[in-house]
PDB file of N, CA and C in Angstrom:
ATOM      1  N   MET A   1       4.637  29.673 -25.415  1.00  0.00           N
ATOM      2  CA  MET A   1       4.052  29.581 -23.851  1.00  0.00           C
ATOM      3  C   MET A   1       3.163  30.633 -24.011  1.00  0.00           C
ATOM      4  N   SER A   2       2.257  29.926 -23.379  1.00  0.00           N
ATOM      5  CA  SER A   2       0.941  31.167 -23.026  1.00  0.00           C
ATOM      6  C   SER A   2       0.709  31.762 -21.584  1.00  0.00           C
ATOM      7  N   SER A   3       0.577  32.711 -21.435  1.00  0.00           N
ATOM      8  CA  SER A   3       0.906  33.486 -19.438  1.00  0.00           C
ATOM      9  C   SER A   3      -0.477  32.792 -18.547  1.00  0.00           C
ATOM     10  N   GLU A   4      -1.625  31.702 -19.222  1.00  0.00           N
ATOM     11  CA  GLU A   4      -2.312  31.375 -18.114  1.00  0.00           C
ATOM     12  C   GLU A   4      -1.658  30.334 -17.393  1.00  0.00           C
ATOM     13  N   GLN A   5      -2.221  30.515 -16.384  1.00  0.00           N
ATOM     14  CA  GLN A   5      -1.711  29.860 -15.594  1.00  0.00           C
ATOM     15  C   GLN A   5      -2.442  28.354 -15.474  1.00  0.00           C
ATOM     16  N   LYS A   6      -1.907  27.515 -15.283  1.00  0.00           N
ATOM     17  CA  LYS A   6      -2.292  26.091 -15.259  1.00  0.00           C
ATOM     18  C   LYS A   6      -2.809  25.183 -14.050  1.00  0.00           C
ATOM     19  N   PRO A   7      -4.004  25.220 -14.627  1.00  0.00           N
ATOM     20  CA  PRO A   7      -4.316  24.538 -12.993  1.00  0.00           C
ATOM     21  C   PRO A   7      -3.518  23.116 -12.422  1.00  0.00           C
ATOM     22  N   ASN A   8      -3.471  24.121 -10.773  1.00  0.00           N
ATOM     23  CA  ASN A   8      -2.746  22.752 -10.032  1.00  0.00           C
ATOM     24  C   ASN A   8      -3.344  21.638  -9.847  1.00  0.00           C
ATOM     25  N   LYS A   9      -2.836  20.761 -10.299  1.00  0.00           N
ATOM     26  CA  LYS A   9      -3.286  19.157 -10.273  1.00  0.00           C
ATOM     27  C   LYS A   9      -2.210  18.363  -9.061  1.00  0.00           C
ATOM     28  N   GLU A  10      -1.816  18.848  -8.358  1.00  0.00           N
ATOM     29  CA  GLU A  10      -1.924  18.085  -6.511  1.00  0.00           C
ATOM     30  C   GLU A  10      -3.085  17.858  -6.159  1.00  0.00           C
ATOM     31  N   PRO A  11      -3.327  16.762  -5.547  1.00  0.00           N
ATOM     32  CA  PRO A  11      -3.946  17.023  -4.523  1.00  0.00           C
ATOM     33  C   PRO A  11      -3.989  17.840  -3.354  1.00  0.00           C
ATOM     34  N   SER A  12      -5.422  18.309  -2.914  1.00  0.00           N
ATOM     35  CA  SER A  12      -5.297  18.981  -1.643  1.00  0.00           C
ATOM     36  C   SER A  12      -5.232  17.620  -0.372  1.00  0.00           C
ATOM     37  N   ALA A  13      -5.078  18.521   0.811  1.00  0.00           N
ATOM     38  CA  ALA A  13      -5.025  17.592   1.483  1.00  0.00           C
ATOM     39  C   ALA A  13      -6.836  16.920   1.561  1.00  0.00           C
ATOM     40  N   ASN A  14      -7.708  18.155   1.670  1.00  0.00           N
ATOM     41  CA  ASN A  14      -9.009  17.748   1.895  1.00  0.00           C
ATOM     42  C   ASN A  14      -9.600  17.000   0.313  1.00  0.00           C
ATOM     43  N   ALA A  15      -9.199  16.750  -0.247  1.00  0.00           N
ATOM     44  CA  ALA A  15      -9.284  15.711  -1.744  1.00  0.00           C
ATOM     45  C   ALA A  15      -8.769  14.676  -1.180  1.00  0.00           C
ATOM     46  N   SER A  16      -7.579  14.313  -0.902  1.00  0.00           N
ATOM     47  CA  SER A  16      -7.384  13.120  -0.658  1.00  0.00           C
ATOM     48  C   SER A  16      -8.151  11.742   0.456  1.00  0.00           C
ATOM     49  N   SER A  17      -8.645  12.786   1.256  1.00  0.00           N
ATOM     50  CA  SER A  17      -9.255  12.891   2.282  1.00  0.00           C
ATOM     51  C   SER A  17     -10.941  11.770   1.924  1.00  0.00           C
ATOM     52  N   LYS A  18     -11.274  12.664   0.674  1.00  0.00           N
ATOM     53  CA  LYS A  18     -12.759  12.076   0.025  1.00  0.00           C
ATOM     54  C   LYS A  18     -12.309  10.861  -0.915  1.00  0.00           C
ATOM     55  N   VAL A  19     -11.349  10.801  -0.838  1.00  0.00           N
ATOM     56  CA  VAL A  19     -11.148   9.174  -1.984  1.00  0.00           C
ATOM     57  C   VAL A  19     -11.349   7.585  -1.183  1.00  0.00           C
ATOM     58  N   ALA A  20     -11.743   7.281  -1.364  1.00  0.00           N
ATOM     59  CA  ALA A  20     -12.054   5.944  -1.326  1.00  0.00           C
ATOM     60  C   ALA A  20     -10.533   5.250  -0.771  1.00  0.00           C
ATOM     61  N   GLY A  21     -10.380   4.970   0.362  1.00  0.00           N
ATOM     62  CA  GLY A  21      -9.295   4.285   1.013  1.00  0.00           C
ATOM     63  C   GLY A  21      -8.191   4.863   1.179  1.00  0.00           C
ATOM     64  N   ALA A  22      -8.369   6.324   1.381  1.00  0.00           N
ATOM     65  CA  ALA A  22      -7.368   7.182   2.551  1.00  0.00           C
ATOM     66  C   ALA A  22      -6.585   7.133   3.477  1.00  0.00           C
ATOM     67  N   LYS A  23      -5.919   7.064   3.333  1.00  0.00           N
ATOM     68  CA  LYS A  23      -5.861   7.443   4.740  1.00  0.00           C
ATOM     69  C   LYS A  23      -5.182   8.361   5.871  1.00  0.00           C
ATOM     70  N   LYS A  24      -6.108   8.345   6.646  1.00  0.00           N
ATOM     71  CA  LYS A  24      -5.626   9.595   8.149  1.00  0.00           C
ATOM     72  C   LYS A  24      -4.684   9.979   8.981  1.00  0.00           C
ATOM     73  N   SER A  25      -4.155  10.656   8.617  1.00  0.00           N
ATOM     74  CA  SER A  25      -2.686  10.852   9.552  1.00  0.00           C
ATOM     75  C   SER A  25      -3.302  11.770  10.943  1.00  0.00           C
ATOM     76  N   PHE A  26      -2.072  11.102  11.961  1.00  0.00           N
ATOM     77  CA  PHE A  26      -2.752  11.947  13.118  1.00  0.00           C
ATOM     78  C   PHE A  26      -1.211  11.507  13.581  1.00  0.00           C
ATOM     79  N   VAL A  27      -0.526  12.005  15.101  1.00  0.00           N
ATOM     80  CA  VAL A  27       0.717  12.219  15.996  1.00  0.00           C
ATOM     81  C   VAL A  27      -0.089  11.189  17.069  1.00  0.00           C
ATOM     82  N   LEU A  28       0.964  10.109  17.134  1.00  0.00           N
ATOM     83  CA  LEU A  28       0.853   9.819  18.142  1.00  0.00           C
ATOM     84  C   LEU A  28       2.110  10.246  19.014  1.00  0.00           C
ATOM     85  N   ARG A  29       1.850   9.991  20.450  1.00  0.00           N
ATOM     86  CA  ARG A  29       2.838   9.925  21.059  1.00  0.00           C
ATOM     87  C   ARG A  29       2.970   9.022  22.354  1.00  0.00           C
ATOM     88  N   ILE A  30       4.390   8.419  22.139  1.00  0.00           N
ATOM     89  CA  ILE A  30       4.642   6.864  23.280  1.00  0.00           C
ATOM     90  C   ILE A  30       6.228   7.630  23.228  1.00  0.00           C
ATOM     91  N   ASP A  31       6.088   6.379  24.781  1.00  0.00           N
ATOM     92  CA  ASP A  31       7.894   6.368  25.478  1.00  0.00           C
ATOM     93  C   ASP A  31       8.768   6.274  24.329  1.00  0.00           C
ATOM     94  N   GLU A  32       9.206   6.211  24.528  1.00  0.00           N
ATOM     95  CA  GLU A  32      10.921   5.963  23.780  1.00  0.00           C
ATOM     96  C   GLU A  32      11.377   4.452  23.347  1.00  0.00           C
ATOM     97  N   GLY A  33      11.217   3.856  24.296  1.00  0.00           N
ATOM     98  CA  GLY A  33      11.309   2.607  25.060  1.00  0.00           C
ATOM     99  C   GLY A  33      10.021   1.290  23.627  1.00  0.00           C
ATOM    100  N   THR A  34       8.977   2.342  24.357  1.00  0.00           N
ATOM    101  CA  THR A  34       7.789   1.151  23.206  1.00  0.00           C
ATOM    102  C   THR A  34       8.509   1.296  21.640  1.00  0.00           C
ATOM    103  N   TYR A  35       8.475   2.895  21.087  1.00  0.00           N
ATOM    104  CA  TYR A  35       9.000   3.397  20.058  1.00  0.00           C
ATOM    105  C   TYR A  35      10.504   2.077  19.755  1.00  0.00           C
ATOM    106  N   LYS A  36      11.380   2.017  20.636  1.00  0.00           N
ATOM    107  CA  LYS A  36      12.027   0.980  20.143  1.00  0.00           C
ATOM    108  C   LYS A  36      11.607  -0.108  20.153  1.00  0.00           C
ATOM    109  N   ALA A  37      10.856  -0.712  20.476  1.00  0.00           N
ATOM    110  CA  ALA A  37      10.663  -2.036  20.087  1.00  0.00           C
ATOM    111  C   ALA A  37       9.818  -2.624  19.335  1.00  0.00           C
ATOM    112  N   LEU A  38       9.353  -0.973  19.128  1.00  0.00           N
ATOM    113  CA  LEU A  38       8.886  -1.391  17.578  1.00  0.00           C
ATOM    114  C   LEU A  38       9.044  -1.439  16.776  1.00  0.00           C
ATOM    115  N   GLU A  39      10.256  -0.351  16.859  1.00  0.00           N
ATOM    116  CA  GLU A  39      11.352  -0.377  15.495  1.00  0.00           C
ATOM    117  C   GLU A  39      11.957  -1.376  15.638  1.00  0.00           C
ATOM    118  N   HIS A  40      12.242  -2.195  16.515  1.00  0.00           N
ATOM    119  CA  HIS A  40      13.216  -3.445  16.339  1.00  0.00           C
ATOM    120  C   HIS A  40      12.232  -4.557  15.725  1.00  0.00           C
ATOM    121  N   TRP A  41      10.982  -4.849  16.312  1.00  0.00           N
ATOM    122  CA  TRP A  41       9.959  -5.844  15.422  1.00  0.00           C
ATOM    123  C   TRP A  41       9.992  -5.443  14.164  1.00  0.00           C
ATOM    124  N   ALA A  42       9.310  -4.547  13.462  1.00  0.00           N
ATOM    125  CA  ALA A  42       9.611  -3.763  12.452  1.00  0.00           C
ATOM    126  C   ALA A  42      10.130  -4.429  11.576  1.00  0.00           C
ATOM    127  N   ALA A  43      11.781  -4.293  11.731  1.00  0.00           N
ATOM    128  CA  ALA A  43      12.594  -4.145  11.251  1.00  0.00           C
ATOM    129  C   ALA A  43      12.869  -6.120  10.565  1.00  0.00           C
ATOM    130  N   ASP A  44      12.666  -6.407  11.960  1.00  0.00           N
ATOM    131  CA  ASP A  44      12.989  -7.691  12.227  1.00  0.00           C
ATOM    132  C   ASP A  44      11.309  -8.373  10.670  1.00  0.00           C
ATOM    133  N   GLU A  45      10.954  -7.886  10.525  1.00  0.00           N
ATOM    134  CA  GLU A  45       9.321  -8.460   9.553  1.00  0.00           C
ATOM    135  C   GLU A  45       9.495  -7.754   8.591  1.00  0.00           C
ATOM    136  N   PHE A  46      11.281  -6.909   8.504  1.00  0.00           N
ATOM    137  CA  PHE A  46      10.759  -6.497   6.753  1.00  0.00           C
ATOM    138  C   PHE A  46       9.452  -5.242   6.896  1.00  0.00           C
ATOM    139  N   ARG A  47       9.467  -4.079   7.565  1.00  0.00           N
ATOM    140  CA  ARG A  47       8.281  -3.307   7.831  1.00  0.00           C
ATOM    141  C   ARG A  47       9.015  -2.331   8.535  1.00  0.00           C
ATOM    142  N   SER A  48       7.981  -1.645   8.179  1.00  0.00           N
ATOM    143  CA  SER A  48       8.287   0.152   8.884  1.00  0.00           C
ATOM    144  C   SER A  48       7.314   0.247   9.974  1.00  0.00           C
ATOM    145  N   VAL A  49       8.063   1.201  10.679  1.00  0.00           N
ATOM    146  CA  VAL A  49       7.339   1.584  11.597  1.00  0.00           C
ATOM    147  C   VAL A  49       5.844   1.892  11.813  1.00  0.00           C
ATOM    148  N   ASN A  50       5.100   2.745  10.737  1.00  0.00           N
ATOM    149  CA  ASN A  50       4.248   3.040  10.243  1.00  0.00           C
ATOM    150  C   ASN A  50       3.120   1.297   9.948  1.00  0.00           C
ATOM    151  N   GLY A  51       3.768   0.697   9.052  1.00  0.00           N
ATOM    152  CA  GLY A  51       3.540  -0.267   8.446  1.00  0.00           C
ATOM    153  C   GLY A  51       2.899  -0.973   9.337  1.00  0.00           C
ATOM    154  N   GLN A  52       4.814  -1.422  10.289  1.00  0.00           N
ATOM    155  CA  GLN A  52       3.870  -1.835  11.671  1.00  0.00           C
ATOM    156  C   GLN A  52       2.776  -1.782  12.959  1.00  0.00           C
ATOM    157  N   MET A  53       2.706  -0.995  12.876  1.00  0.00           N
ATOM    158  CA  MET A  53       1.661   0.202  13.497  1.00  0.00           C
ATOM    159  C   MET A  53       0.168  -0.662  12.956  1.00  0.00           C
ATOM    160  N   GLU A  54       0.460  -0.407  11.487  1.00  0.00           N
ATOM    161  CA  GLU A  54      -1.286  -0.343  10.547  1.00  0.00           C
ATOM    162  C   GLU A  54      -1.461  -2.228  10.794  1.00  0.00           C
ATOM    163  N   TRP A  55       0.037  -2.941  10.752  1.00  0.00           N
ATOM    164  CA  TRP A  55      -0.458  -4.309  10.903  1.00  0.00           C
ATOM    165  C   TRP A  55      -0.987  -5.031  12.239  1.00  0.00           C
ATOM    166  N   LEU A  56      -0.406  -3.751  13.505  1.00  0.00           N
ATOM    167  CA  LEU A  56      -1.054  -4.284  15.097  1.00  0.00           C
ATOM    168  C   LEU A  56      -2.692  -4.435  14.654  1.00  0.00           C
ATOM    169  N   ILE A  57      -2.538  -3.015  14.333  1.00  0.00           N
ATOM    170  CA  ILE A  57      -4.108  -1.900  14.383  1.00  0.00           C
ATOM    171  C   ILE A  57      -4.915  -3.240  13.826  1.00  0.00           C
ATOM    172  N   ASP A  58      -4.995  -3.431  12.808  1.00  0.00           N
ATOM    173  CA  ASP A  58      -5.418  -4.397  11.613  1.00  0.00           C
ATOM    174  C   ASP A  58      -5.827  -5.981  12.488  1.00  0.00           C
ATOM    175  N   GLN A  59      -5.076  -6.769  13.221  1.00  0.00           N
ATOM    176  CA  GLN A  59      -4.675  -7.614  14.039  1.00  0.00           C
ATOM    177  C   GLN A  59      -6.075  -7.450  14.959  1.00  0.00           C
ATOM    178  N   ALA A  60      -5.582  -6.326  15.311  1.00  0.00           N
ATOM    179  CA  ALA A  60      -5.881  -5.983  17.000  1.00  0.00           C
ATOM    180  C   ALA A  60      -7.683  -6.219  16.637  1.00  0.00           C
ATOM    181  N   LEU A  61      -8.225  -5.129  15.920  1.00  0.00           N
ATOM    182  CA  LEU A  61      -9.534  -5.134  15.373  1.00  0.00           C
ATOM    183  C   LEU A  61     -10.009  -6.300  15.385  1.00  0.00           C
ATOM    184  N   LYS A  62      -9.618  -7.390  13.759  1.00  0.00           N
ATOM    185  CA  LYS A  62      -9.932  -8.279  13.512  1.00  0.00           C
ATOM    186  C   LYS A  62     -10.369  -9.689  14.670  1.00  0.00           C
ATOM    187  N   ALA A  63      -9.114  -9.599  15.861  1.00  0.00           N
ATOM    188  CA  ALA A  63      -9.105 -10.216  16.697  1.00  0.00           C
ATOM    189  C   ALA A  63     -10.383 -10.104  17.530  1.00  0.00           C
ATOM    190  N   ALA A  64     -10.514  -8.816  17.413  1.00  0.00           N
ATOM    191  CA  ALA A  64     -12.018  -7.981  18.292  1.00  0.00           C
ATOM    192  C   ALA A  64     -13.052  -8.715  17.816  1.00  0.00           C
ATOM    193  N   GLY A  65     -13.151  -8.620  16.379  1.00  0.00           N
ATOM    194  CA  GLY A  65     -14.691  -8.508  15.230  1.00  0.00           C
ATOM    195  C   GLY A  65     -14.695  -7.001  15.282  1.00  0.00           C
ATOM    196  N   ARG A  66     -13.747  -6.516  15.633  1.00  0.00           N
ATOM    197  CA  ARG A  66     -14.076  -4.932  14.984  1.00  0.00           C
ATOM    198  C   ARG A  66     -13.746  -4.434  13.286  1.00  0.00           C
ATOM    199  N   ALA A  67     -13.023  -5.353  12.929  1.00  0.00           N
ATOM    200  CA  ALA A  67     -13.029  -5.226  11.765  1.00  0.00           C
ATOM    201  C   ALA A  67     -13.499  -4.617  10.750  1.00  0.00           C
ATOM    202  N   LYS A  68     -13.698  -3.720   9.766  1.00  0.00           N
ATOM    203  CA  LYS A  68     -14.055  -3.579   8.938  1.00  0.00           C
ATOM    204  C   LYS A  68     -14.860  -4.401   7.811  1.00  0.00           C
ATOM    205  N   LYS A  69     -16.153  -4.974   7.553  1.00  0.00           N
ATOM    206  CA  LYS A  69     -16.383  -5.807   6.526  1.00  0.00           C
ATOM    207  C   LYS A  69     -16.359  -5.682   5.166  1.00  0.00           C
ATOM    208  N   SER A  70     -15.702  -6.566   4.607  1.00  0.00           N
ATOM    209  CA  SER A  70     -14.979  -6.173   3.710  1.00  0.00           C
ATOM    210  C   SER A  70     -16.636  -6.942   2.304  1.00  0.00           C
ATOM    211  N   LYS A  71     -16.457  -5.518   1.126  1.00  0.00           N
ATOM    212  CA  LYS A  71     -18.075  -6.075   0.782  1.00  0.00           C
ATOM    213  C   LYS A  71     -17.831  -6.905  -0.396  1.00  0.00           C
TER     214      LYS A  71
END
């Protein structure tokens, strides 16, 4: 084995944000009751809470005519 250090192949936070289709993370503060209702709804539809929120936001954007247009 050589004593040379191998380059880090782990994507950095900055690198992942430059990739097409990369997702932006952020903190969302909601009350416990709302979270529990969302958690229950997500479980009913076999989704994670995060997946349910993504779906809800996507549906709301489409309904408002604000969804990003596909090429």
